[in-house]
Protein backbone atom coordinates (compact mmCIF):
# COMPACT_ATOMS: atom_id res chain seq x y z
CA UNK A 1 12.53 -10.30 70.33
CA UNK A 2 13.61 -13.79 71.34
CA UNK A 3 15.14 -16.07 68.75
CA UNK A 4 12.48 -18.45 67.35
CA UNK A 5 9.59 -16.35 68.67
CA UNK A 6 7.10 -15.41 65.86
CA UNK A 7 6.98 -11.82 64.88
CA UNK A 8 3.70 -10.01 65.72
CA UNK A 9 1.93 -8.65 62.70
CA UNK A 10 0.97 -5.02 63.78
CA UNK A 11 -1.48 -4.68 60.83
CA UNK A 12 -3.34 -7.81 62.01
CA UNK A 13 -3.38 -6.45 65.58
CA UNK A 14 -4.53 -2.95 64.54
CA UNK A 15 -7.21 -4.42 62.24
CA UNK A 16 -8.66 -6.42 65.09
CA UNK A 17 -8.67 -3.34 67.36
CA UNK A 18 -10.41 -1.31 64.70
CA UNK A 19 -13.07 -3.97 64.21
CA UNK A 20 -13.73 -4.14 67.94
CA UNK A 21 -13.90 -0.40 68.35
CA UNK A 22 -16.29 -0.02 65.42
CA UNK A 23 -18.65 -2.84 66.64
CA UNK A 24 -18.26 -1.31 70.15
CA UNK A 25 -19.51 2.05 68.81
CA UNK A 26 -22.60 0.35 67.42
CA UNK A 27 -23.22 -1.64 70.62
CA UNK A 28 -22.88 1.50 72.80
CA UNK A 29 -25.44 3.32 70.55
CA UNK A 30 -27.88 0.37 70.90
CA UNK A 31 -27.34 0.20 74.66
CA UNK A 32 -27.73 3.99 75.14
CA UNK A 33 -30.95 3.95 73.05
CA UNK A 34 -32.40 1.00 74.94
CA UNK A 35 -31.42 2.43 78.33
CA UNK A 36 -32.94 5.82 77.46
CA UNK A 37 -36.16 4.24 76.08
CA UNK A 38 -36.54 2.11 79.20
CA UNK A 39 -36.08 5.15 81.51
CA UNK A 40 -38.63 7.24 79.43
CA UNK A 41 -41.12 4.37 79.42
CA UNK A 42 -40.85 4.03 83.20
CA UNK A 43 -41.68 7.72 83.48
CA UNK A 44 -44.48 7.57 80.95
CA UNK A 45 -45.63 4.33 79.35
CA UNK A 46 -45.23 4.41 75.57
CA UNK A 47 -42.36 6.98 75.58
CA UNK A 48 -39.05 6.00 73.90
CA UNK A 49 -35.88 7.43 72.60
CA UNK A 50 -37.50 8.09 69.30
CA UNK A 51 -40.57 9.50 70.99
CA UNK A 52 -39.34 11.26 74.14
CA UNK A 53 -42.73 12.43 75.48
CA UNK A 54 -43.25 13.18 79.12
CA UNK A 55 -40.11 15.31 79.52
CA UNK A 56 -39.32 18.96 78.47
CA UNK A 57 -38.10 19.36 74.91
CA UNK A 58 -34.90 20.98 76.13
CA UNK A 59 -34.22 18.00 78.40
CA UNK A 60 -34.73 15.62 75.55
CA UNK A 61 -32.29 17.62 73.37
CA UNK A 62 -29.70 17.72 76.17
CA UNK A 63 -29.97 13.96 76.74
CA UNK A 64 -29.46 13.37 72.98
CA UNK A 65 -26.47 15.65 73.00
CA UNK A 66 -24.82 13.84 75.90
CA UNK A 67 -25.62 10.34 74.41
CA UNK A 68 -23.97 11.43 71.13
CA UNK A 69 -20.81 12.58 72.90
CA UNK A 70 -20.62 9.38 75.12
CA UNK A 71 -21.32 7.19 72.07
CA UNK A 72 -18.17 8.64 70.38
CA UNK A 73 -15.93 9.19 73.31
CA UNK A 74 -16.02 5.57 74.62
CA UNK A 75 -14.66 3.73 71.50
CA UNK A 76 -12.17 6.46 70.89
CA UNK A 77 -10.74 6.27 74.36
CA UNK A 78 -10.66 2.42 74.30
CA UNK A 79 -9.00 2.34 70.81
CA UNK A 80 -6.37 4.88 71.74
CA UNK A 81 -5.60 2.96 74.97
CA UNK A 82 -5.44 -0.41 73.27
CA UNK A 83 -3.25 0.95 70.46
CA UNK A 84 -0.46 2.04 72.79
CA UNK A 85 1.72 -1.05 72.01
CA UNK A 86 1.88 0.12 68.34
CA UNK A 87 3.67 3.32 69.33
CA UNK A 88 1.69 5.69 67.15
CA UNK A 89 2.89 9.14 66.28
CA UNK A 90 1.31 11.97 68.35
CA UNK A 91 -2.03 13.14 67.17
CA UNK A 92 -1.72 16.28 65.03
CA UNK A 93 -4.33 18.69 66.29
CA UNK A 94 -3.45 22.30 65.45
CA UNK A 95 -5.54 25.37 64.88
CA UNK A 96 -7.04 25.33 61.40
CA UNK A 97 -5.23 27.76 59.02
CA UNK A 98 -4.80 28.46 55.32
CA UNK A 99 -5.22 24.88 54.29
CA UNK A 100 -8.74 24.77 55.73
CA UNK A 101 -9.63 28.17 54.38
CA UNK A 102 -8.59 27.16 50.81
CA UNK A 103 -10.13 23.71 51.07
CA UNK A 104 -13.48 24.84 52.42
CA UNK A 105 -14.98 26.25 49.12
CA UNK A 106 -13.65 23.28 47.30
CA UNK A 107 -15.11 20.90 49.87
CA UNK A 108 -18.55 22.52 49.85
CA UNK A 109 -18.63 22.40 46.10
CA UNK A 110 -17.60 18.72 46.37
CA UNK A 111 -20.33 17.97 48.89
CA UNK A 112 -22.90 19.66 46.69
CA UNK A 113 -22.06 17.34 43.80
CA UNK A 114 -22.05 14.35 46.19
CA UNK A 115 -25.56 15.46 47.39
CA UNK A 116 -26.81 15.48 43.86
CA UNK A 117 -25.35 12.01 43.34
CA UNK A 118 -27.01 10.80 46.59
CA UNK A 119 -30.38 12.10 45.36
CA UNK A 120 -29.98 10.39 42.07
CA UNK A 121 -29.06 7.13 43.93
CA UNK A 122 -32.15 7.50 46.17
CA UNK A 123 -34.35 7.81 43.07
CA UNK A 124 -32.82 4.76 41.55
CA UNK A 125 -33.22 2.68 44.72
CA UNK A 126 -36.69 4.00 45.12
CA UNK A 127 -37.65 2.23 41.94
CA UNK A 128 -36.98 -0.96 43.66
CA UNK A 129 -38.95 0.04 46.78
CA UNK A 130 -36.21 1.35 48.90
CA UNK A 131 -37.28 3.80 51.60
CA UNK A 132 -34.44 5.84 53.20
CA UNK A 133 -34.36 6.44 56.98
CA UNK A 134 -36.64 9.19 58.14
CA UNK A 135 -35.07 12.58 58.55
CA UNK A 136 -34.43 13.97 62.02
CA UNK A 137 -37.10 16.32 63.30
CA UNK A 138 -35.68 19.39 64.85
CA UNK A 139 -37.33 20.78 68.01
CA UNK A 140 -38.95 24.16 68.42
CA UNK A 141 -37.42 26.91 70.62
CA UNK A 142 -33.98 28.48 70.57
CA UNK A 143 -32.57 26.46 73.45
CA UNK A 144 -33.57 22.97 72.20
CA UNK A 145 -32.59 23.90 68.61
CA UNK A 146 -29.07 25.04 69.85
CA UNK A 147 -28.63 21.68 71.67
CA UNK A 148 -29.67 19.89 68.47
CA UNK A 149 -27.10 21.88 66.53
CA UNK A 150 -24.50 20.65 68.94
CA UNK A 151 -25.51 17.01 68.66
CA UNK A 152 -25.87 17.08 64.85
CA UNK A 153 -23.20 19.50 63.76
CA UNK A 154 -20.46 20.05 66.40
CA UNK A 155 -20.13 16.86 68.36
CA UNK A 156 -20.05 14.47 65.26
CA UNK A 157 -17.57 16.84 63.43
CA UNK A 158 -15.16 16.63 66.36
CA UNK A 159 -15.83 12.93 67.52
CA UNK A 160 -16.01 11.32 64.11
CA UNK A 161 -12.86 12.94 62.88
CA UNK A 162 -10.98 11.94 66.08
CA UNK A 163 -12.33 8.39 65.61
CA UNK A 164 -11.89 7.84 61.93
CA UNK A 165 -9.18 10.19 60.72
CA UNK A 166 -7.36 10.76 64.07
CA UNK A 167 -7.29 7.15 65.24
CA UNK A 168 -8.35 4.53 62.63
CA UNK A 169 -6.64 6.21 59.66
CA UNK A 170 -3.55 6.90 61.83
CA UNK A 171 -3.35 3.25 62.90
CA UNK A 172 -3.33 2.16 59.25
CA UNK A 173 -1.04 4.89 57.89
CA UNK A 174 2.19 2.91 58.35
CA UNK A 175 0.85 0.58 55.65
CA UNK A 176 0.14 3.32 53.12
CA UNK A 177 -1.72 6.66 53.21
CA UNK A 178 -4.23 5.65 50.55
CA UNK A 179 -4.78 2.26 52.04
CA UNK A 180 -5.51 3.92 55.42
CA UNK A 181 -7.79 6.56 53.76
CA UNK A 182 -9.84 3.99 51.84
CA UNK A 183 -10.26 1.51 54.70
CA UNK A 184 -11.34 4.16 57.21
CA UNK A 185 -13.69 5.64 54.52
CA UNK A 186 -15.38 2.33 53.91
CA UNK A 187 -16.10 1.91 57.57
CA UNK A 188 -17.27 5.54 57.86
CA UNK A 189 -19.64 5.15 54.95
CA UNK A 190 -21.08 1.78 56.05
CA UNK A 191 -21.73 3.06 59.64
CA UNK A 192 -24.21 5.57 58.26
CA UNK A 193 -26.34 2.60 57.01
CA UNK A 194 -28.20 4.55 54.32
CA UNK A 195 -27.74 2.83 50.97
CA UNK A 196 -28.50 5.95 49.01
CA UNK A 197 -25.84 7.95 50.71
CA UNK A 198 -23.00 5.43 51.12
CA UNK A 199 -21.21 6.31 47.81
CA UNK A 200 -21.32 10.03 48.51
CA UNK A 201 -20.31 9.63 52.12
CA UNK A 202 -17.46 7.51 51.07
CA UNK A 203 -16.41 10.09 48.50
CA UNK A 204 -16.63 12.89 51.27
CA UNK A 205 -14.49 10.71 53.61
CA UNK A 206 -11.75 10.28 50.92
CA UNK A 207 -11.50 14.13 50.69
CA UNK A 208 -11.28 14.52 54.45
CA UNK A 209 -8.79 11.65 54.71
CA UNK A 210 -6.56 13.14 52.02
CA UNK A 211 -6.56 16.58 53.76
CA UNK A 212 -5.39 14.90 57.08
CA UNK A 213 -2.76 12.69 55.31
CA UNK A 214 -1.34 15.47 53.14
CA UNK A 215 -1.26 18.32 55.65
CA UNK A 216 -1.14 16.48 58.94
CA UNK A 217 -3.82 18.32 60.90
CA UNK A 218 -7.06 16.57 61.98
CA UNK A 219 -8.56 20.13 62.97
CA UNK A 220 -8.75 20.91 59.29
CA UNK A 221 -10.97 17.94 58.69
CA UNK A 222 -13.06 18.78 61.71
CA UNK A 223 -13.72 22.25 60.36
CA UNK A 224 -14.73 20.93 56.91
CA UNK A 225 -16.90 18.29 58.52
CA UNK A 226 -18.59 20.84 60.66
CA UNK A 227 -19.46 23.13 57.77
CA UNK A 228 -20.95 20.17 55.86
CA UNK A 229 -23.06 19.25 58.80
CA UNK A 230 -24.13 22.78 59.38
CA UNK A 231 -25.19 23.10 55.70
CA UNK A 232 -27.30 19.99 56.04
CA UNK A 233 -28.78 21.33 59.36
CA UNK A 234 -29.75 24.62 57.75
CA UNK A 235 -31.38 22.84 54.94
CA UNK A 236 -33.26 20.45 57.33
CA UNK A 237 -34.48 23.50 59.33
CA UNK A 238 -35.69 25.16 56.13
CA UNK A 239 -37.74 22.14 55.16
CA UNK A 240 -39.53 22.21 58.47
CA UNK A 241 -40.01 25.97 58.72
CA UNK A 242 -40.60 27.09 55.10
CA UNK A 243 -42.89 26.31 52.24
CA UNK A 244 -41.70 24.32 49.24
CA UNK A 245 -41.01 27.33 47.13
CA UNK A 246 -38.72 29.03 49.59
CA UNK A 247 -36.89 25.72 50.33
CA UNK A 248 -36.23 25.34 46.62
CA UNK A 249 -34.97 28.98 46.48
CA UNK A 250 -32.60 28.41 49.45
CA UNK A 251 -31.36 25.22 47.97
CA UNK A 252 -30.70 26.86 44.62
CA UNK A 253 -28.84 29.77 46.38
CA UNK A 254 -26.64 27.50 48.35
CA UNK A 255 -25.88 25.25 45.35
CA UNK A 256 -24.90 28.27 43.31
CA UNK A 257 -22.77 29.82 46.09
CA UNK A 258 -21.02 26.47 46.91
CA UNK A 259 -20.41 25.59 43.30
CA UNK A 260 -19.35 29.08 42.30
CA UNK A 261 -16.90 29.45 45.25
CA UNK A 262 -15.39 26.02 44.69
CA UNK A 263 -14.94 26.70 41.06
CA UNK A 264 -13.34 30.05 41.66
CA UNK A 265 -10.76 28.62 44.18
CA UNK A 266 -9.98 25.75 41.79
CA UNK A 267 -9.30 28.23 38.92
CA UNK A 268 -7.03 30.30 41.18
CA UNK A 269 -5.11 27.19 42.23
CA UNK A 270 -4.76 26.06 38.63
CA UNK A 271 -3.51 29.49 37.52
CA UNK A 272 -0.90 29.49 40.31
CA UNK A 273 0.17 25.96 39.19
CA UNK A 274 0.53 24.69 42.73
CA UNK A 275 0.22 20.96 42.61
CA UNK A 276 -1.46 19.09 45.42
CA UNK A 277 0.83 17.26 47.69
CA UNK A 278 1.37 13.64 46.53
CA UNK A 279 1.08 10.94 49.18
CA UNK A 280 3.99 8.56 49.28
CA UNK A 281 3.56 5.12 47.72
CA UNK A 282 3.75 2.12 49.92
CA UNK A 283 6.49 -0.20 48.86
CA UNK A 284 5.28 -3.57 47.59
CA UNK A 285 7.19 -6.38 49.18
CA UNK A 286 7.49 -9.66 47.19
CA UNK A 287 6.67 -13.04 48.63
CA UNK A 288 4.70 -11.59 51.41
CA UNK A 289 1.00 -11.54 52.18
CA UNK A 290 -0.57 -8.23 50.81
CA UNK A 291 -2.02 -5.57 53.12
CA UNK A 292 -5.61 -6.36 52.15
CA UNK A 293 -5.15 -10.05 52.84
CA UNK A 294 -3.65 -9.31 56.21
CA UNK A 295 -6.43 -6.89 57.02
CA UNK A 296 -9.16 -9.35 56.20
CA UNK A 297 -7.38 -12.20 57.99
CA UNK A 298 -8.07 -10.30 61.26
CA UNK A 299 -11.24 -12.07 62.41
CA UNK A 300 -12.79 -9.09 64.36
CA UNK A 301 -12.25 -6.73 61.51
CA UNK A 302 -13.77 -9.05 58.92
CA UNK A 303 -16.76 -9.87 61.14
CA UNK A 304 -17.42 -6.27 61.79
CA UNK A 305 -17.20 -5.45 58.02
CA UNK A 306 -19.62 -8.16 57.20
CA UNK A 307 -22.04 -7.01 59.94
CA UNK A 308 -22.02 -3.52 58.57
CA UNK A 309 -22.72 -4.68 55.05
CA UNK A 310 -25.47 -6.85 56.27
CA UNK A 311 -27.06 -3.99 58.20
CA UNK A 312 -27.06 -1.91 55.06
CA UNK A 313 -28.64 -4.60 53.03
CA UNK A 314 -31.26 -5.17 55.63
CA UNK A 315 -32.12 -1.47 55.35
CA UNK A 316 -33.08 -2.12 51.72
CA UNK A 317 -35.45 -4.96 52.50
CA UNK A 318 -37.03 -3.59 55.66
């Protein structure tokens, strides 16, 4: 660096990139939805992305699958390319092993408790008139259902983990593991735009972020994320195909199984007295602007954060 030249703040640079990539993710989703709606309406007036009439059900499911993949791939590729000057460490993507196997029962138990918390939050918000977003309607037929499984369970588990844990969290890790986990989790939760689920999604993201930070393998988080999505997919399918009694029975069975398996693994770990890996503390430097101040001083990051918060609040008043 030349003498007298101001030193670039890599956190400021990374925060702006993150903000642009997240808002880009939302804009790509809006563009894809608008383009798809226009194409469907041209084929059959009145059709849209939400109501894809006029084309085969399998074709609609395939289009949704491709749109989900493109929506995630574009911001990931742009962010990874733009972050090259930061000289990030290579992405750790290995085959899931013992860590994922041991963490899975704990994670499913954890997600079950988070689901209970989300339901309580939905009830409390409902007292004020809040109506959560409508649930996805699964298509009939094995082929369309399999494509929906890909778009709901598989592609988000891979793409969202690459985006949030594999890229955003990795960009912020040099400034502290927990700092990176919390910031990426805030963005992850706000992007889901359902007020009743934001606290539980944030909590789930903390778990996934810790697994990646402590054990260094994004594939472990992908596997956990996939099983969480698959569990939700199963319950969604059950609500559409079964009567209320059978749905309640299935929910009770899953709750008992997840909670029992998680509690069993937790007891085994406590008896073996194997402490969880501690993440290193970030050294606090005196007389320098703090990490949070530097993060929020990045205009694109702050604008994106405010827009996400505003979107969530608008959901309450819609």
